[in-house]
Protein backbone atom coordinates (compact mmCIF):
# COMPACT_ATOMS: atom_id res chain seq x y z
CA MET A 1 95.19 86.92 66.39
CA ARG A 2 92.14 89.75 66.98
CA MET A 3 90.02 86.21 67.47
CA LYS A 4 92.07 84.55 69.93
CA ILE A 5 91.98 87.87 72.07
CA ARG A 6 88.61 87.86 72.28
CA MET A 7 88.01 84.18 73.09
CA CYS A 8 90.18 84.76 76.20
CA GLN A 9 88.53 88.22 77.11
CA GLY A 10 85.18 85.79 76.42
CA VAL A 11 86.53 82.99 78.70
CA GLY A 12 87.78 85.76 81.20
CA GLY A 13 84.27 87.13 81.13
CA ILE A 14 82.81 83.62 82.17
CA ILE A 15 85.24 83.03 85.10
CA ILE A 16 84.46 86.33 86.46
CA ILE A 17 80.64 85.22 86.27
CA THR A 18 81.29 81.94 87.86
CA MET A 19 83.14 83.72 90.99
CA VAL A 20 81.32 86.14 91.93
CA THR A 21 77.72 84.13 91.49
CA SER A 22 79.65 81.41 93.57
CA PHE A 23 80.56 84.23 96.16
CA MET A 24 76.67 85.12 96.16
CA LEU A 25 75.42 81.92 96.69
CA MET A 26 78.24 81.71 99.75
CA TYR A 27 76.85 85.30 100.80
CA ASN A 28 73.33 84.44 100.90
CA SER A 29 74.53 80.88 102.78
CA SER A 30 76.52 82.49 105.30
CA SER A 31 74.48 85.11 106.02
CA GLY A 32 71.53 82.62 106.99
CA ASP A 33 73.91 80.35 109.39
CA ARG A 34 76.15 82.66 111.15
CA PRO A 35 75.64 85.94 112.42
CA SER A 36 77.79 88.71 111.25
CA ALA A 37 80.97 89.61 113.15
CA PRO A 38 80.87 93.12 115.29
CA SER A 39 82.69 96.20 113.64
CA PRO A 40 84.53 97.40 115.85
CA GLN A 41 84.79 101.14 117.12
CA SER A 42 87.73 103.41 117.38
CA SER A 43 87.74 105.65 120.53
CA PRO A 44 90.84 108.19 120.61
CA SER A 45 90.49 108.32 124.52
CA SER A 46 90.78 104.63 125.10
CA HIS A 47 93.42 102.35 124.46
CA ARG A 48 92.07 99.16 125.99
CA LEU A 49 91.58 96.14 123.69
CA HIS A 50 88.18 94.65 122.82
CA ALA A 51 87.11 92.41 125.06
CA PRO A 52 83.60 90.71 125.23
CA ALA A 53 80.89 93.39 125.29
CA SER A 54 79.66 91.51 128.96
CA ALA A 55 82.94 92.85 129.94
CA VAL A 56 83.69 95.82 128.25
CA LYS A 57 81.32 99.18 128.21
CA LYS A 58 81.20 99.93 124.35
CA PRO A 59 83.44 102.83 123.60
CA GLU A 60 81.57 105.80 121.90
CA ARG A 61 81.40 106.58 118.45
CA PRO A 62 83.93 109.37 117.65
CA LYS A 63 82.14 112.55 116.49
CA LYS A 64 82.33 112.54 112.60
CA LEU A 65 84.83 114.63 110.88
CA PRO A 66 83.69 116.66 107.67
CA THR A 67 84.33 114.07 104.60
CA TRP A 68 87.03 115.31 102.30
CA THR A 69 86.29 114.87 98.38
CA LEU A 70 89.37 113.32 97.03
CA GLU A 71 90.09 114.06 93.22
CA GLY A 72 91.16 111.56 90.80
CA TYR A 73 89.48 108.43 92.58
CA THR A 74 85.87 107.75 90.67
CA GLY A 75 83.25 105.46 91.21
CA VAL A 76 82.59 102.79 88.75
CA MET A 77 79.32 102.59 87.69
CA ASP A 78 77.99 106.48 89.31
CA HIS A 79 81.69 108.00 88.75
CA LYS A 80 81.16 110.19 91.45
CA PRO A 81 84.49 110.82 93.64
CA LEU A 82 85.58 109.13 96.66
CA ARG A 83 84.52 110.98 99.84
CA MET A 84 86.32 110.19 102.89
CA HIS A 85 88.20 111.52 105.99
CA CYS A 86 90.44 109.43 108.78
CA ARG A 87 92.31 111.09 111.94
CA THR A 88 94.53 108.13 111.82
CA CYS A 89 95.15 105.48 109.57
CA ALA A 90 97.37 101.90 109.75
CA LEU A 91 98.71 101.65 106.69
CA VAL A 92 99.66 97.69 106.68
CA THR A 93 101.85 96.34 104.35
CA SER A 94 102.36 92.93 103.32
CA SER A 95 105.72 92.35 104.44
CA GLY A 96 107.07 89.05 106.64
CA GLN A 97 108.29 92.08 108.88
CA LEU A 98 105.47 91.99 110.67
CA THR A 99 105.10 87.53 111.35
CA GLY A 100 104.92 86.91 115.17
CA ARG A 101 104.86 90.45 116.17
CA LYS A 102 101.39 90.85 117.66
CA ARG A 103 100.65 94.29 116.14
CA GLY A 104 97.12 93.35 115.53
CA GLU A 105 95.12 95.19 118.32
CA GLU A 106 97.02 98.02 118.14
CA ILE A 107 96.51 97.87 114.40
CA ASP A 108 92.72 97.58 114.82
CA ARG A 109 92.31 100.47 116.90
CA SER A 110 93.17 102.79 114.28
CA GLU A 111 90.15 104.68 113.19
CA CYS A 112 91.19 103.40 109.32
CA VAL A 113 93.27 100.40 108.63
CA ILE A 114 94.71 100.44 105.27
CA ARG A 115 95.65 97.12 103.19
CA MET A 116 97.10 96.24 99.80
CA ASN A 117 96.22 93.73 97.10
CA ASP A 118 95.08 89.96 98.06
CA ALA A 119 96.86 90.65 101.67
CA PRO A 120 94.47 88.71 103.77
CA SER A 121 93.43 89.46 107.39
CA VAL A 122 91.93 86.04 108.20
CA GLY A 123 94.25 83.73 110.33
CA PHE A 124 96.90 86.48 110.91
CA GLN A 125 94.57 88.96 112.74
CA GLN A 126 97.08 88.36 115.73
CA ASP A 127 99.67 90.18 113.65
CA VAL A 128 98.14 92.29 111.13
CA GLY A 129 94.69 92.85 112.34
CA GLY A 130 91.24 91.88 111.47
CA ARG A 131 89.58 95.39 109.91
CA THR A 132 90.11 96.73 106.67
CA SER A 133 88.77 100.24 105.73
CA LEU A 134 90.44 101.00 102.46
CA ARG A 135 92.15 98.16 100.45
CA VAL A 136 94.30 99.58 97.03
CA ILE A 137 94.68 97.23 94.59
CA ALA A 138 96.64 96.80 91.39
CA HIS A 139 95.34 95.66 88.17
CA SER A 140 97.24 92.34 88.16
CA SER A 141 95.94 91.69 91.29
CA LEU A 142 92.36 91.71 90.43
CA GLN A 143 92.03 87.90 89.94
CA ARG A 144 93.69 86.53 93.10
CA VAL A 145 91.36 89.57 94.79
CA LEU A 146 88.14 87.46 93.22
CA ARG A 147 89.62 84.35 94.62
CA SER A 148 89.37 85.27 98.23
CA ARG A 149 85.95 84.92 98.24
CA GLN A 150 85.60 84.47 101.83
CA GLU A 151 87.56 87.73 102.67
CA LEU A 152 85.55 89.78 100.20
CA LEU A 153 82.60 88.48 102.11
CA ASN A 154 83.93 90.00 105.49
CA VAL A 155 84.41 93.22 104.68
CA SER A 156 82.45 94.05 101.61
CA GLN A 157 80.03 96.20 103.51
CA ASP A 158 82.55 98.61 105.23
CA THR A 159 85.59 98.93 102.60
CA VAL A 160 86.56 100.84 100.06
CA PHE A 161 88.22 99.52 97.33
CA ILE A 162 90.63 101.32 95.11
CA PHE A 163 92.04 99.86 91.56
CA TRP A 164 95.05 101.32 89.94
CA GLY A 165 96.30 100.39 86.20
CA PRO A 166 97.41 101.30 83.06
CA SER A 167 94.98 103.52 80.65
CA ASN A 168 94.12 100.37 78.24
CA ALA A 169 93.39 97.92 80.85
CA MET A 170 90.91 101.05 83.03
CA ARG A 171 89.51 102.76 79.65
CA ARG A 172 85.77 102.78 79.76
CA ASP A 173 85.05 102.84 76.40
CA GLY A 174 84.36 98.60 76.55
CA LYS A 175 87.99 97.92 75.63
CA GLY A 176 89.23 97.94 79.22
CA HIS A 177 89.30 94.97 80.27
CA VAL A 178 89.99 95.13 84.06
CA TYR A 179 87.18 98.28 83.99
CA ASN A 180 84.64 96.05 82.33
CA ASN A 181 85.23 92.91 85.43
CA LEU A 182 85.25 95.75 87.90
CA LYS A 183 81.87 96.98 86.17
CA LEU A 184 80.20 93.38 86.12
CA LEU A 185 81.44 93.06 89.75
CA LYS A 186 79.33 96.19 90.84
CA GLN A 187 76.57 95.25 89.00
CA LEU A 188 76.05 91.96 90.17
CA LEU A 189 77.13 93.45 94.23
CA PRO A 190 75.87 96.81 93.94
CA LYS A 191 76.98 97.46 97.66
CA LEU A 192 80.51 96.84 97.12
CA LYS A 193 82.22 100.50 97.18
CA VAL A 194 84.33 100.06 93.86
CA TYR A 195 86.72 102.74 92.70
CA ILE A 196 89.37 103.38 90.24
CA ILE A 197 92.17 106.03 89.75
CA SER A 198 91.58 108.40 86.87
CA ARG A 199 93.84 108.64 83.99
CA ILE A 200 94.69 111.82 84.77
CA LYS A 201 95.79 110.79 88.35
CA MET A 202 98.09 108.10 87.24
CA LEU A 203 99.84 110.72 85.54
CA LYS A 204 100.23 113.20 88.31
CA PHE A 205 101.61 110.07 90.18
CA ASP A 206 104.42 109.38 87.66
CA GLU A 207 105.00 113.06 87.64
CA LEU A 208 105.58 112.93 91.24
CA PHE A 209 107.45 109.96 91.32
CA LYS A 210 109.82 111.84 88.51
CA ASN A 211 109.93 115.08 90.86
CA GLU A 212 111.02 113.60 93.85
CA THR A 213 113.55 111.16 92.42
CA GLY A 214 114.87 112.52 89.20
CA ILE A 215 113.47 109.23 87.32
CA ASP A 216 111.29 109.13 84.43
CA ARG A 217 109.43 106.03 85.41
CA LYS A 218 108.82 105.39 81.49
CA SER A 219 112.04 105.90 80.27
CA SER A 220 113.19 103.82 83.08
CA SER A 221 110.80 100.96 81.91
CA SER A 222 109.48 100.36 85.77
CA TRP A 223 106.24 100.58 87.25
CA LEU A 224 105.20 102.10 90.35
CA SER A 225 104.33 99.75 93.04
CA THR A 226 100.91 99.45 94.97
CA GLY A 227 102.88 100.76 98.06
CA TRP A 228 103.42 103.82 95.83
CA PHE A 229 100.08 104.48 95.06
CA THR A 230 99.08 103.38 98.71
CA MET A 231 100.72 106.42 100.82
CA ALA A 232 100.30 108.75 98.54
CA ILE A 233 96.43 107.98 98.92
CA ALA A 234 97.21 108.08 102.83
CA LEU A 235 98.38 111.55 102.69
CA GLU A 236 95.20 112.79 100.76
CA LEU A 237 93.29 110.84 103.28
CA CYS A 238 94.66 110.91 106.93
CA ASP A 239 95.83 113.05 109.52
CA ARG A 240 98.23 110.67 110.73
CA ILE A 241 99.55 107.52 109.13
CA ASN A 242 101.18 104.92 111.04
CA VAL A 243 102.81 102.35 108.51
CA TYR A 244 103.52 98.70 109.91
CA GLY A 245 106.19 96.62 108.01
CA MET A 246 107.95 98.97 106.12
CA VAL A 247 111.83 98.91 106.68
CA PRO A 248 114.23 101.88 106.29
CA PRO A 249 115.48 102.24 102.93
CA ASP A 250 118.85 101.36 103.69
CA SER A 251 117.78 98.54 105.50
CA CYS A 252 119.10 95.66 103.12
CA ARG A 253 122.59 96.79 102.66
CA SER A 254 123.21 95.87 106.65
CA PRO A 255 124.81 92.36 106.61
CA SER A 256 123.42 91.06 109.73
CA ARG A 257 120.02 91.85 108.62
CA PRO A 258 117.30 89.46 109.47
CA SER A 259 115.76 87.09 106.56
CA VAL A 260 112.21 87.45 106.19
CA PRO A 261 109.56 86.29 103.54
CA TYR A 262 108.59 89.24 100.83
CA HIS A 263 105.01 88.43 101.97
CA TYR A 264 103.49 87.07 105.74
CA TYR A 265 101.13 84.94 104.08
CA GLU A 266 103.51 83.41 101.74
CA PRO A 267 106.43 82.16 104.68
CA LEU A 268 107.93 80.20 101.74
CA GLY A 269 108.11 82.83 99.27
CA ALA A 270 110.99 85.15 98.13
CA ALA A 271 113.11 86.96 100.77
CA GLU A 272 111.85 90.57 101.24
CA CYS A 273 115.16 92.19 100.67
CA SER A 274 116.09 89.79 97.47
CA MET A 275 113.05 91.25 96.34
CA TYR A 276 113.99 94.69 96.58
CA LEU A 277 117.73 94.31 95.30
CA SER A 278 116.49 92.46 92.58
CA HIS A 279 113.87 94.87 91.19
CA GLU A 280 116.01 97.95 92.20
CA ARG A 281 118.91 96.68 89.88
CA SER A 282 116.94 95.33 87.38
CA ARG A 283 117.01 97.23 84.07
CA ARG A 284 114.35 95.45 82.25
CA GLY A 285 110.53 96.48 81.91
CA GLY A 286 108.19 95.27 84.08
CA HIS A 287 110.54 95.82 87.60
CA HIS A 288 109.73 98.31 90.84
CA ARG A 289 111.80 100.54 92.20
CA PHE A 290 111.15 99.48 96.25
CA ILE A 291 114.08 100.87 97.58
CA THR A 292 114.06 104.15 95.82
CA GLU A 293 110.30 104.87 96.85
CA LYS A 294 110.80 103.87 100.37
CA THR A 295 113.52 106.90 99.93
CA VAL A 296 110.69 108.98 99.60
CA PHE A 297 108.80 107.72 101.89
CA ALA A 298 111.45 108.54 104.55
CA ASN A 299 111.60 112.03 103.04
CA TRP A 300 107.92 112.70 103.20
CA ALA A 301 107.59 111.34 106.96
CA ARG A 302 110.26 114.39 107.52
CA THR A 303 107.78 116.77 106.56
CA PHE A 304 104.09 114.97 107.01
CA ASN A 305 102.78 113.24 109.91
CA ILE A 306 103.99 109.34 109.20
CA HIS A 307 105.56 107.07 111.23
CA PHE A 308 107.30 103.64 110.83
CA TYR A 309 106.23 100.89 113.17
CA GLN A 310 107.61 97.17 112.83
CA PRO A 311 110.45 97.73 112.42
CA ASP A 312 110.20 100.87 114.48
CA TRP A 313 112.50 103.84 112.85
CA LYS A 314 112.88 106.96 112.17
CA PRO A 315 114.03 108.96 109.16
CA ALA A 316 117.33 110.42 109.13
CA ALA A 317 117.97 114.22 109.69
CA GLY A 318 118.06 114.98 106.19
CA ILE A 319 118.11 112.56 102.79
CA ILE A 320 120.37 113.86 100.31
CA GLY A 321 119.21 114.32 96.20
CA MET A 322 115.26 113.96 97.07
CA ASN A 323 112.96 116.65 96.46
CA ILE A 324 109.60 117.23 98.86
CA SER A 325 107.40 118.18 95.69
CA TYR A 326 104.07 116.40 96.79
CA THR A 327 101.12 118.34 98.35
CA PRO A 328 98.16 116.01 98.71
CA THR A 329 94.97 117.39 96.76
CA ILE A 330 91.57 117.48 98.66
CA SER A 331 88.44 119.98 98.81
């Protein structure tokens, strides 16, 4: 059995090396054949859309704010903590609620744009924007992210990647397969900004969920979603959070709700509410409590500077049975 596991890990390592090598060849080829796309500048005093440089004066770069040290997010290889701070953040979900809504330019005007897992922007810029400042990625999405070579090529120099996963996958003693792959990726592409959530921080996220909901994640055999980690990270990172594509917690109860895909980039995939309800009702292991998490987010929005768009909604005056125990930890 151990030999089979080692063989699988060896094959996985060969696949990672092959994919990353192909990525580097594409990078070198692309950098010689194409000019790189200009990185958009954010301007808090201007709400004009981007236009050709000859038509619109280039906006001034906003004054740089003091960078915050975010505890619990450590760099692969150097183990240094993440230092980052944004005035305004657009937290872009992967929901089909965004399809055809043309919020892309509005999203890109934010100082920082946050995305999740392997959700693409290429080909969907009109609805979800094109910039990415931070991408929060689940351990289970690593292979899909590596397969998105072109997406990595476009954003790798400016984007911060934060990976989360169970402690056995992220351990640094040579036995954590996800950490080993990230270490290899960082060695081959040293300019990538790759961080992982520490084991202690993961335990704090579990404790936070229990304090907010009264539900013990482990005893209920559920997993926190990437959306949970992303929202909590955004509270530490951003002064204001504009969330795009997140429905209210009671949205799926409405019989007149429109049916949209769970992911905007998978139009033929599962319906959003079907996914939410099946996970929320499941008592088998491996499910997420999407609706419970959204109830917490709505509650947080009553205290913190969180706003929801597409659909546009505000939380109710009060949510029974929920606590507000979260305090962002920054230094």
